[in-house]
Amino acid sequence: MNAHLTFEYLLSSLVYGVLGFSLFILSLWVMEKLTPFSIVKKITEEGNIALAIVVGAIILALGAIYSAAIQ
């Protein structure tokens, strides 16, 4: 395999990885701002396991959506 092509694949993977991670962080920030309470406070300080499960499910769904959109 050509070294030039390998660099292009590496660079495109890096760009799409940063794009996906940025969209992911932006989505979590928007979710935190749209809720009338602090998600972080509810999960960490109050120990709301149900909310943690829901947020985990949202994170998995966002990951699947962004992965499919980027590919």
N, C-alpha and C. Protein backbone atom coordinates (compact mmCIF):
# COMPACT_ATOMS: atom_id res chain seq x y z
N MET A 1 0.84 -1.18 0.00
CA MET A 1 0.00 0.00 0.00
C MET A 1 0.88 1.24 0.00
N ASN A 2 0.46 2.21 -0.70
CA ASN A 2 1.19 3.45 -0.84
C ASN A 2 1.15 4.25 0.47
N ALA A 3 2.29 4.83 0.86
CA ALA A 3 2.37 5.61 2.09
C ALA A 3 1.48 6.85 2.01
N HIS A 4 1.35 7.40 0.81
CA HIS A 4 0.52 8.58 0.61
C HIS A 4 -0.95 8.26 0.92
N LEU A 5 -1.42 7.10 0.44
CA LEU A 5 -2.80 6.70 0.69
C LEU A 5 -3.02 6.42 2.17
N THR A 6 -2.04 5.82 2.82
CA THR A 6 -2.15 5.54 4.25
C THR A 6 -2.28 6.84 5.03
N PHE A 7 -1.51 7.85 4.66
CA PHE A 7 -1.60 9.15 5.33
C PHE A 7 -2.97 9.77 5.12
N GLU A 8 -3.53 9.65 3.90
CA GLU A 8 -4.85 10.19 3.62
C GLU A 8 -5.92 9.50 4.46
N TYR A 9 -5.84 8.18 4.59
CA TYR A 9 -6.79 7.44 5.41
C TYR A 9 -6.67 7.84 6.87
N LEU A 10 -5.46 7.99 7.34
CA LEU A 10 -5.22 8.39 8.72
C LEU A 10 -5.77 9.80 8.97
N LEU A 11 -5.50 10.70 8.05
CA LEU A 11 -5.96 12.08 8.20
C LEU A 11 -7.49 12.16 8.16
N SER A 12 -8.12 11.44 7.24
CA SER A 12 -9.58 11.48 7.17
C SER A 12 -10.21 10.85 8.41
N SER A 13 -9.61 9.79 8.93
CA SER A 13 -10.11 9.18 10.16
C SER A 13 -10.01 10.14 11.32
N LEU A 14 -8.91 10.87 11.39
CA LEU A 14 -8.71 11.84 12.45
C LEU A 14 -9.72 12.99 12.35
N VAL A 15 -9.94 13.49 11.15
CA VAL A 15 -10.89 14.59 10.95
C VAL A 15 -12.31 14.14 11.31
N TYR A 16 -12.73 12.98 10.84
CA TYR A 16 -14.07 12.50 11.16
C TYR A 16 -14.21 12.15 12.63
N GLY A 17 -13.16 11.67 13.25
CA GLY A 17 -13.19 11.39 14.68
C GLY A 17 -13.38 12.66 15.50
N VAL A 18 -12.65 13.70 15.14
CA VAL A 18 -12.78 14.99 15.84
C VAL A 18 -14.16 15.58 15.58
N LEU A 19 -14.67 15.47 14.36
CA LEU A 19 -16.01 15.97 14.03
C LEU A 19 -17.07 15.23 14.86
N GLY A 20 -16.99 13.92 14.90
CA GLY A 20 -17.96 13.14 15.66
C GLY A 20 -17.90 13.44 17.15
N PHE A 21 -16.70 13.56 17.69
CA PHE A 21 -16.54 13.86 19.11
C PHE A 21 -17.07 15.27 19.42
N SER A 22 -16.82 16.21 18.53
CA SER A 22 -17.32 17.58 18.74
C SER A 22 -18.84 17.62 18.72
N LEU A 23 -19.45 16.93 17.77
CA LEU A 23 -20.91 16.86 17.73
C LEU A 23 -21.48 16.19 18.97
N PHE A 24 -20.80 15.18 19.44
CA PHE A 24 -21.22 14.45 20.63
C PHE A 24 -21.19 15.36 21.85
N ILE A 25 -20.09 16.09 22.06
CA ILE A 25 -19.96 17.00 23.20
C ILE A 25 -20.99 18.13 23.09
N LEU A 26 -21.18 18.65 21.88
CA LEU A 26 -22.17 19.71 21.67
C LEU A 26 -23.58 19.21 22.02
N SER A 27 -23.90 17.99 21.64
CA SER A 27 -25.22 17.42 21.95
C SER A 27 -25.42 17.29 23.45
N LEU A 28 -24.41 16.83 24.16
CA LEU A 28 -24.52 16.71 25.62
C LEU A 28 -24.67 18.08 26.28
N TRP A 29 -23.96 19.08 25.77
CA TRP A 29 -24.07 20.43 26.31
C TRP A 29 -25.48 20.98 26.09
N VAL A 30 -26.03 20.78 24.89
CA VAL A 30 -27.39 21.24 24.59
C VAL A 30 -28.39 20.54 25.49
N MET A 31 -28.22 19.25 25.69
CA MET A 31 -29.12 18.49 26.55
C MET A 31 -29.07 19.02 27.99
N GLU A 32 -27.88 19.36 28.46
CA GLU A 32 -27.72 19.92 29.81
C GLU A 32 -28.42 21.27 29.92
N LYS A 33 -28.33 22.08 28.87
CA LYS A 33 -28.95 23.41 28.89
C LYS A 33 -30.47 23.35 28.74
N LEU A 34 -31.00 22.37 28.04
CA LEU A 34 -32.44 22.29 27.81
C LEU A 34 -33.22 21.73 29.00
N THR A 35 -32.57 20.97 29.84
CA THR A 35 -33.27 20.41 30.99
C THR A 35 -33.39 21.46 32.09
N PRO A 36 -34.50 21.44 32.84
CA PRO A 36 -34.68 22.44 33.90
C PRO A 36 -33.81 22.18 35.14
N PHE A 37 -33.05 21.11 35.14
CA PHE A 37 -32.17 20.76 36.25
C PHE A 37 -30.80 20.40 35.70
N SER A 38 -29.82 20.34 36.57
CA SER A 38 -28.48 19.95 36.15
C SER A 38 -28.38 18.43 36.12
N ILE A 39 -28.13 17.89 34.95
CA ILE A 39 -28.01 16.44 34.82
C ILE A 39 -26.81 15.93 35.61
N VAL A 40 -25.71 16.66 35.53
CA VAL A 40 -24.49 16.25 36.24
C VAL A 40 -24.74 16.21 37.75
N LYS A 41 -25.41 17.23 38.27
CA LYS A 41 -25.68 17.29 39.71
C LYS A 41 -26.61 16.16 40.14
N LYS A 42 -27.64 15.91 39.35
CA LYS A 42 -28.60 14.85 39.69
C LYS A 42 -27.91 13.48 39.72
N ILE A 43 -27.00 13.24 38.79
CA ILE A 43 -26.36 11.93 38.72
C ILE A 43 -25.26 11.81 39.77
N THR A 44 -24.38 12.81 39.87
CA THR A 44 -23.22 12.68 40.75
C THR A 44 -23.54 12.94 42.22
N GLU A 45 -24.25 14.02 42.50
CA GLU A 45 -24.49 14.38 43.90
C GLU A 45 -25.70 13.67 44.49
N GLU A 46 -26.77 13.53 43.71
CA GLU A 46 -27.99 12.93 44.23
C GLU A 46 -28.08 11.43 43.94
N GLY A 47 -27.21 10.93 43.07
CA GLY A 47 -27.18 9.49 42.79
C GLY A 47 -28.40 8.97 42.06
N ASN A 48 -28.94 9.74 41.15
CA ASN A 48 -30.13 9.34 40.39
C ASN A 48 -29.72 8.33 39.32
N ILE A 49 -29.88 7.05 39.64
CA ILE A 49 -29.46 5.98 38.73
C ILE A 49 -30.36 5.91 37.50
N ALA A 50 -31.65 6.16 37.67
CA ALA A 50 -32.57 6.12 36.53
C ALA A 50 -32.17 7.16 35.48
N LEU A 51 -31.82 8.36 35.93
CA LEU A 51 -31.39 9.39 34.99
C LEU A 51 -30.08 9.00 34.32
N ALA A 52 -29.19 8.38 35.08
CA ALA A 52 -27.92 7.93 34.51
C ALA A 52 -28.15 6.89 33.41
N ILE A 53 -29.11 6.01 33.61
CA ILE A 53 -29.42 5.00 32.59
C ILE A 53 -30.00 5.65 31.34
N VAL A 54 -30.90 6.63 31.53
CA VAL A 54 -31.49 7.33 30.39
C VAL A 54 -30.42 8.10 29.62
N VAL A 55 -29.55 8.81 30.33
CA VAL A 55 -28.48 9.55 29.66
C VAL A 55 -27.53 8.59 28.95
N GLY A 56 -27.24 7.45 29.55
CA GLY A 56 -26.41 6.44 28.89
C GLY A 56 -27.04 5.94 27.61
N ALA A 57 -28.35 5.72 27.62
CA ALA A 57 -29.05 5.28 26.42
C ALA A 57 -29.01 6.36 25.34
N ILE A 58 -29.15 7.62 25.75
CA ILE A 58 -29.07 8.72 24.80
C ILE A 58 -27.67 8.80 24.20
N ILE A 59 -26.65 8.61 25.02
CA ILE A 59 -25.27 8.63 24.53
C ILE A 59 -25.04 7.53 23.50
N LEU A 60 -25.53 6.33 23.78
CA LEU A 60 -25.38 5.23 22.82
C LEU A 60 -26.12 5.53 21.51
N ALA A 61 -27.32 6.08 21.61
CA ALA A 61 -28.09 6.41 20.41
C ALA A 61 -27.39 7.50 19.59
N LEU A 62 -26.88 8.53 20.26
CA LEU A 62 -26.16 9.59 19.55
C LEU A 62 -24.92 9.03 18.86
N GLY A 63 -24.21 8.14 19.54
CA GLY A 63 -23.03 7.54 18.95
C GLY A 63 -23.37 6.76 17.69
N ALA A 64 -24.47 6.00 17.73
CA ALA A 64 -24.88 5.23 16.56
C ALA A 64 -25.31 6.14 15.41
N ILE A 65 -26.03 7.20 15.75
CA ILE A 65 -26.50 8.13 14.72
C ILE A 65 -25.33 8.86 14.07
N TYR A 66 -24.40 9.37 14.88
CA TYR A 66 -23.26 10.10 14.33
C TYR A 66 -22.34 9.18 13.54
N SER A 67 -22.19 7.95 14.00
CA SER A 67 -21.36 6.99 13.28
C SER A 67 -21.95 6.70 11.90
N ALA A 68 -23.25 6.49 11.85
CA ALA A 68 -23.89 6.22 10.56
C ALA A 68 -23.85 7.45 9.65
N ALA A 69 -24.01 8.62 10.23
CA ALA A 69 -24.01 9.84 9.42
C ALA A 69 -22.62 10.12 8.84
N ILE A 70 -21.58 9.85 9.61
CA ILE A 70 -20.22 10.14 9.14
C ILE A 70 -19.78 9.12 8.09
N GLN A 71 -20.20 7.88 8.22
CA GLN A 71 -19.81 6.86 7.25
C GLN A 71 -20.53 7.10 5.96
